Amino acid sequence: KPWTHNIPVPFGQCGRRAMAVLRSASLPMTARQVALQVLLEVGCEQPELQTLRRTQCAIESSFRKFKGRTVESSGKYPAQWRAINKPQVTFDP
């Protein structure tokens, strides 16, 4: 069905949890790394590939929405992200 919630993260909390992961990170992270950490926090240790992709897509969408306001991107592929209040976290070359 379209417009159904298909990830184990509670509805409306995926972006917030992803942002919390970035705030506590000491290194820049890709959306996939953030998604794995968020799923681990929710209790999904070995997520199926489809679940991981859906969560990654939701997180990446949230990061793109708030780019420049709360998160910064490396601008490369795959994009690395960091919280905007952590300029000491440097992106990989």
C-alpha atoms as a PDB file:
ATOM      1  CA  LYS A   1       0.000   0.000   0.000  1.00  0.00           C
ATOM      2  CA  PRO A   2       1.252   3.500  -0.636  1.00  0.00           C
ATOM      3  CA  TRP A   3       1.812   5.884   2.251  1.00  0.00           C
ATOM      4  CA  THR A   4       2.278   3.231   4.904  1.00  0.00           C
ATOM      5  CA  HIS A   5       4.952   3.302   7.572  1.00  0.00           C
ATOM      6  CA  ASN A   6       7.289   0.387   6.819  1.00  0.00           C
ATOM      7  CA  ILE A   7      10.285   0.967   9.080  1.00  0.00           C
ATOM      8  CA  PRO A   8      10.723  -0.139  12.709  1.00  0.00           C
ATOM      9  CA  VAL A   9      11.440   3.419  13.882  1.00  0.00           C
ATOM     10  CA  PRO A  10       8.338   5.014  15.426  1.00  0.00           C
ATOM     11  CA  PHE A  11       6.467   7.334  13.078  1.00  0.00           C
ATOM     12  CA  GLY A  12       7.892  10.857  13.059  1.00  0.00           C
ATOM     13  CA  GLN A  13      11.084  10.004  14.935  1.00  0.00           C
ATOM     14  CA  CYS A  14      13.439   8.845  12.198  1.00  0.00           C
ATOM     15  CA  GLY A  15      14.881  12.269  11.397  1.00  0.00           C
ATOM     16  CA  ARG A  16      15.120  13.261  15.051  1.00  0.00           C
ATOM     17  CA  ARG A  17      16.958  10.080  15.972  1.00  0.00           C
ATOM     18  CA  ALA A  18      19.280  10.491  12.995  1.00  0.00           C
ATOM     19  CA  MET A  19      20.080  14.035  14.082  1.00  0.00           C
ATOM     20  CA  ALA A  20      20.834  12.800  17.611  1.00  0.00           C
ATOM     21  CA  VAL A  21      23.255  10.248  16.152  1.00  0.00           C
ATOM     22  CA  LEU A  22      25.037  12.996  14.196  1.00  0.00           C
ATOM     23  CA  ARG A  23      25.226  15.248  17.249  1.00  0.00           C
ATOM     24  CA  SER A  24      26.950  12.517  19.252  1.00  0.00           C
ATOM     25  CA  ALA A  25      29.265  11.394  16.427  1.00  0.00           C
ATOM     26  CA  SER A  26      32.942  12.298  16.455  1.00  0.00           C
ATOM     27  CA  LEU A  27      33.349  11.539  12.734  1.00  0.00           C
ATOM     28  CA  PRO A  28      31.265  12.441   9.679  1.00  0.00           C
ATOM     29  CA  MET A  29      28.828   9.694   8.745  1.00  0.00           C
ATOM     30  CA  THR A  30      27.037   8.575   5.598  1.00  0.00           C
ATOM     31  CA  ALA A  31      23.256   8.199   5.623  1.00  0.00           C
ATOM     32  CA  ARG A  32      23.720   4.404   5.581  1.00  0.00           C
ATOM     33  CA  GLN A  33      25.923   4.487   8.702  1.00  0.00           C
ATOM     34  CA  VAL A  34      23.401   6.702  10.467  1.00  0.00           C
ATOM     35  CA  ALA A  35      20.552   4.376   9.405  1.00  0.00           C
ATOM     36  CA  LEU A  36      22.382   1.342  10.802  1.00  0.00           C
ATOM     37  CA  GLN A  37      22.928   3.151  14.110  1.00  0.00           C
ATOM     38  CA  VAL A  38      19.294   4.295  14.328  1.00  0.00           C
ATOM     39  CA  LEU A  39      18.045   0.775  13.603  1.00  0.00           C
ATOM     40  CA  LEU A  40      20.423  -0.620  16.216  1.00  0.00           C
ATOM     41  CA  GLU A  41      19.032   1.813  18.811  1.00  0.00           C
ATOM     42  CA  VAL A  42      15.493   0.690  17.967  1.00  0.00           C
ATOM     43  CA  GLY A  43      16.468  -2.946  18.520  1.00  0.00           C
ATOM     44  CA  CYS A  44      16.853  -4.091  14.925  1.00  0.00           C
ATOM     45  CA  GLU A  45      20.374  -5.552  14.976  1.00  0.00           C
ATOM     46  CA  GLN A  46      20.307  -7.385  11.619  1.00  0.00           C
ATOM     47  CA  PRO A  47      17.902  -5.387   9.435  1.00  0.00           C
ATOM     48  CA  GLU A  48      16.724  -6.764   6.132  1.00  0.00           C
ATOM     49  CA  LEU A  49      18.124  -4.982   3.094  1.00  0.00           C
ATOM     50  CA  GLN A  50      14.730  -3.447   2.244  1.00  0.00           C
ATOM     51  CA  THR A  51      14.290  -2.118   5.793  1.00  0.00           C
ATOM     52  CA  LEU A  52      17.768  -0.628   5.725  1.00  0.00           C
ATOM     53  CA  ARG A  53      17.122   1.037   2.367  1.00  0.00           C
ATOM     54  CA  ARG A  54      13.808   2.527   3.506  1.00  0.00           C
ATOM     55  CA  THR A  55      15.359   3.870   6.691  1.00  0.00           C
ATOM     56  CA  GLN A  56      18.357   5.240   4.793  1.00  0.00           C
ATOM     57  CA  CYS A  57      16.048   6.968   2.312  1.00  0.00           C
ATOM     58  CA  ALA A  58      14.018   8.552   5.123  1.00  0.00           C
ATOM     59  CA  ILE A  59      17.175   9.787   6.861  1.00  0.00           C
ATOM     60  CA  GLU A  60      18.743  11.117   3.678  1.00  0.00           C
ATOM     61  CA  SER A  61      15.529  12.948   2.865  1.00  0.00           C
ATOM     62  CA  SER A  62      15.494  14.525   6.309  1.00  0.00           C
ATOM     63  CA  PHE A  63      19.139  15.566   5.996  1.00  0.00           C
ATOM     64  CA  ARG A  64      18.552  17.149   2.585  1.00  0.00           C
ATOM     65  CA  LYS A  65      15.563  19.040   3.987  1.00  0.00           C
ATOM     66  CA  PHE A  66      17.617  20.551   6.803  1.00  0.00           C
ATOM     67  CA  LYS A  67      20.885  20.984   4.891  1.00  0.00           C
ATOM     68  CA  GLY A  68      22.449  24.301   5.858  1.00  0.00           C
ATOM     69  CA  ARG A  69      20.256  24.730   8.925  1.00  0.00           C
ATOM     70  CA  THR A  70      21.147  21.787  11.177  1.00  0.00           C
ATOM     71  CA  VAL A  71      23.377  19.545   9.033  1.00  0.00           C
ATOM     72  CA  GLU A  72      26.196  19.978   6.533  1.00  0.00           C
ATOM     73  CA  SER A  73      27.181  17.715   3.652  1.00  0.00           C
ATOM     74  CA  SER A  74      30.566  16.959   2.129  1.00  0.00           C
ATOM     75  CA  GLY A  75      29.040  17.458  -1.325  1.00  0.00           C
ATOM     76  CA  LYS A  76      30.678  14.290  -2.629  1.00  0.00           C
ATOM     77  CA  TYR A  77      29.298  10.832  -3.311  1.00  0.00           C
ATOM     78  CA  PRO A  78      28.517   9.111  -1.019  1.00  0.00           C
ATOM     79  CA  ALA A  79      27.748  12.223   0.960  1.00  0.00           C
ATOM     80  CA  GLN A  80      29.102  12.464   4.459  1.00  0.00           C
ATOM     81  CA  TRP A  81      27.064  14.424   6.958  1.00  0.00           C
ATOM     82  CA  ARG A  82      27.842  16.252  10.184  1.00  0.00           C
ATOM     83  CA  ALA A  83      25.900  18.372  12.619  1.00  0.00           C
ATOM     84  CA  ILE A  84      26.300  22.052  11.786  1.00  0.00           C
ATOM     85  CA  ASN A  85      27.357  22.838  15.359  1.00  0.00           C
ATOM     86  CA  LYS A  86      30.394  20.508  15.016  1.00  0.00           C
ATOM     87  CA  PRO A  87      32.785  22.264  12.606  1.00  0.00           C
ATOM     88  CA  GLN A  88      35.718  20.429  14.226  1.00  0.00           C
ATOM     89  CA  VAL A  89      34.489  17.195  12.589  1.00  0.00           C
ATOM     90  CA  THR A  90      36.301  17.187   9.254  1.00  0.00           C
ATOM     91  CA  PHE A  91      35.114  15.392   6.134  1.00  0.00           C
ATOM     92  CA  ASP A  92      37.271  12.686   4.555  1.00  0.00           C
ATOM     93  CA  PRO A  93      39.210  13.854   1.487  1.00  0.00           C
END
